[in-house]
Amino acid sequence: MKLKPIPSQEEADLNDPEEHFLWALRNLPMVAGSGLMTFSGYLRGWSKHLWECGFVHRSYLEGKADEDGNIHVSSLPEQRIHFREPFRGPHHTWNPAGRWAKPKDPEPEPARVPNIDEMTIQEQHALLYQFQQKGMIPKGPAGPAGAEVVKE
């Protein structure tokens, strides 16, 4: 039975993905010297995430080495997940459409924008109507601004 929610480096089970980095993720440095206090369940998830990305700690590698200090690559954990750039919207850090996925997971279908030149006039009007309902196109006829009467 585990007595501490976050084991020390010496107590951590390096073969357990949830504990492999757990000890290193506690009290991460923040501003003004204070440490980040986070629920151990989140830290366990982050530790497992790093493991699934293929990262391992030096002490784990030392345990895999033979008497000459060599490690065969087949004994290392494989990368199980990779980051997929957002499949919709802008490609930047803050777009939540980016996802961590397994290499064999199917790619999401890309968003398709219709070519209005291939649409009938009725389909084009239906599209315009949708934009008007969203407030993206003002309602009413387009044209020059009306005249204004100025009295002196």
Protein backbone atom coordinates (compact mmCIF):
# COMPACT_ATOMS: atom_id res chain seq x y z
CA MET A 1 0.00 0.00 0.00
CA LYS A 2 1.32 3.41 -0.96
CA LEU A 3 1.39 5.85 1.92
CA LYS A 4 2.32 9.00 -0.02
CA PRO A 5 0.44 10.33 -3.03
CA ILE A 6 3.77 11.42 -4.55
CA PRO A 7 6.74 9.13 -3.89
CA SER A 8 10.31 10.42 -3.70
CA GLN A 9 12.73 9.66 -6.54
CA GLU A 10 14.12 6.74 -4.55
CA GLU A 11 10.65 5.31 -3.83
CA ALA A 12 9.17 5.72 -7.33
CA ASP A 13 8.57 2.61 -9.45
CA LEU A 14 10.32 3.58 -12.69
CA ASN A 15 8.59 0.71 -14.54
CA ASP A 16 5.19 2.25 -13.76
CA PRO A 17 4.44 5.00 -16.32
CA GLU A 18 2.34 6.89 -13.75
CA GLU A 19 5.26 7.01 -11.29
CA HIS A 20 8.22 7.23 -13.66
CA PHE A 21 8.25 11.06 -13.67
CA LEU A 22 5.85 11.68 -10.79
CA TRP A 23 8.58 12.62 -8.34
CA ALA A 24 10.05 15.15 -10.84
CA LEU A 25 6.74 16.85 -11.57
CA ARG A 26 5.99 17.83 -7.98
CA ASN A 27 6.44 21.43 -6.91
CA LEU A 28 7.53 22.63 -10.38
CA PRO A 29 9.16 26.09 -10.19
CA MET A 30 6.83 29.03 -10.68
CA VAL A 31 7.22 32.80 -10.34
CA ALA A 32 8.98 34.29 -7.34
CA GLY A 33 10.41 30.93 -6.26
CA SER A 34 7.13 29.29 -5.33
CA GLY A 35 6.33 25.80 -6.55
CA LEU A 36 3.27 24.62 -8.48
CA MET A 37 1.00 22.67 -6.18
CA THR A 38 -1.06 20.23 -8.25
CA PHE A 39 -3.28 17.25 -7.45
CA SER A 40 -1.22 14.05 -7.62
CA GLY A 41 -3.77 12.50 -10.01
CA TYR A 42 -2.90 15.14 -12.63
CA LEU A 43 0.81 14.56 -12.06
CA ARG A 44 0.32 10.81 -12.55
CA GLY A 45 -1.45 11.51 -15.85
CA TRP A 46 1.35 13.84 -16.96
CA SER A 47 3.97 11.23 -16.00
CA LYS A 48 2.17 8.60 -18.06
CA HIS A 49 1.89 11.08 -20.95
CA LEU A 50 5.66 11.66 -20.97
CA TRP A 51 6.23 7.89 -20.85
CA GLU A 52 3.89 7.39 -23.82
CA CYS A 53 5.83 10.10 -25.71
CA GLY A 54 8.90 7.88 -25.32
CA PHE A 55 10.77 9.74 -22.57
CA VAL A 56 12.60 7.85 -19.81
CA HIS A 57 14.81 8.91 -16.91
CA ARG A 58 18.53 8.25 -16.68
CA SER A 59 18.21 5.91 -13.69
CA TYR A 60 15.77 3.76 -15.70
CA LEU A 61 18.31 3.55 -18.52
CA GLU A 62 21.08 2.62 -16.07
CA GLY A 63 18.93 -0.32 -14.97
CA LYS A 64 18.69 -1.50 -18.59
CA ALA A 65 22.44 -1.31 -19.27
CA ASP A 66 24.67 -4.37 -19.37
CA GLU A 67 27.97 -4.62 -17.48
CA ASP A 68 29.67 -2.49 -20.16
CA GLY A 69 27.03 0.25 -19.88
CA ASN A 70 25.40 -0.58 -23.23
CA ILE A 71 21.66 -0.62 -23.84
CA HIS A 72 20.02 -2.28 -26.81
CA VAL A 73 17.33 -0.07 -28.34
CA SER A 74 14.85 -2.96 -28.30
CA SER A 75 14.77 -2.73 -24.49
CA LEU A 76 13.67 0.92 -24.55
CA PRO A 77 9.99 1.88 -24.38
CA GLU A 78 8.49 2.87 -27.70
CA GLN A 79 6.82 6.16 -28.42
CA ARG A 80 3.11 5.37 -28.24
CA ILE A 81 1.58 8.77 -28.95
CA HIS A 82 2.40 11.77 -31.11
CA PHE A 83 0.91 15.23 -31.44
CA ARG A 84 -1.41 15.95 -34.36
CA GLU A 85 -1.60 19.55 -35.44
CA PRO A 86 -5.10 21.04 -35.39
CA PHE A 87 -7.26 19.64 -38.17
CA ARG A 88 -9.43 22.79 -38.18
CA GLY A 89 -8.67 26.42 -37.59
CA PRO A 90 -5.30 28.10 -37.26
CA HIS A 91 -2.16 26.07 -36.62
CA HIS A 92 -0.94 27.59 -33.39
CA THR A 93 -0.38 26.52 -29.79
CA TRP A 94 -3.72 27.80 -28.48
CA ASN A 95 -5.95 25.93 -30.95
CA PRO A 96 -7.56 23.10 -28.95
CA ALA A 97 -8.24 21.08 -32.12
CA GLY A 98 -4.68 19.69 -31.86
CA ARG A 99 -4.65 16.22 -30.28
CA TRP A 100 -2.35 13.54 -28.94
CA ALA A 101 -3.00 10.34 -30.88
CA LYS A 102 -1.66 6.85 -31.39
CA PRO A 103 0.33 6.49 -34.63
CA LYS A 104 -2.22 4.07 -36.14
CA ASP A 105 -5.28 6.20 -35.29
CA PRO A 106 -6.97 7.44 -38.47
CA GLU A 107 -6.40 11.04 -39.47
CA PRO A 108 -9.46 13.25 -39.01
CA GLU A 109 -11.29 14.31 -42.15
CA PRO A 110 -10.19 17.80 -43.22
CA ALA A 111 -12.85 20.51 -43.29
CA ARG A 112 -14.12 21.19 -46.78
CA VAL A 113 -15.05 24.69 -47.92
CA PRO A 114 -17.55 24.69 -50.79
CA ASN A 115 -16.59 26.19 -54.13
CA ILE A 116 -19.41 28.65 -54.85
CA ASP A 117 -18.65 28.52 -58.59
CA GLU A 118 -19.87 24.90 -58.51
CA MET A 119 -23.13 25.80 -56.73
CA THR A 120 -26.49 26.68 -58.22
CA ILE A 121 -27.82 30.18 -57.62
CA GLN A 122 -30.29 28.70 -55.12
CA GLU A 123 -27.46 27.05 -53.18
CA GLN A 124 -25.50 30.31 -53.20
CA HIS A 125 -28.55 32.18 -51.87
CA ALA A 126 -29.02 29.56 -49.16
CA LEU A 127 -25.41 30.07 -48.13
CA LEU A 128 -25.85 33.85 -48.10
CA TYR A 129 -28.99 33.44 -45.99
CA GLN A 130 -27.03 31.42 -43.42
CA PHE A 131 -24.36 34.13 -43.23
CA GLN A 132 -27.06 36.77 -42.81
CA GLN A 133 -28.69 34.77 -39.99
CA LYS A 134 -25.32 34.63 -38.23
CA GLY A 135 -24.96 38.41 -38.61
CA MET A 136 -21.90 38.10 -40.82
CA ILE A 137 -23.57 39.85 -43.75
CA PRO A 138 -25.91 42.79 -43.19
CA LYS A 139 -29.53 42.24 -44.23
CA GLY A 140 -31.04 44.39 -46.92
CA PRO A 141 -29.91 45.43 -50.36
CA ALA A 142 -26.33 46.41 -50.87
CA GLY A 143 -25.70 49.72 -52.55
CA PRO A 144 -24.63 53.28 -52.03
CA ALA A 145 -25.59 55.08 -48.86
CA GLY A 146 -28.79 57.10 -49.11
CA ALA A 147 -28.76 60.85 -49.57
CA GLU A 148 -29.06 63.14 -46.59
CA VAL A 149 -30.98 66.42 -46.54
CA VAL A 150 -29.08 69.21 -44.81
CA LYS A 151 -30.99 72.38 -43.88
CA GLU A 152 -29.05 75.56 -43.43
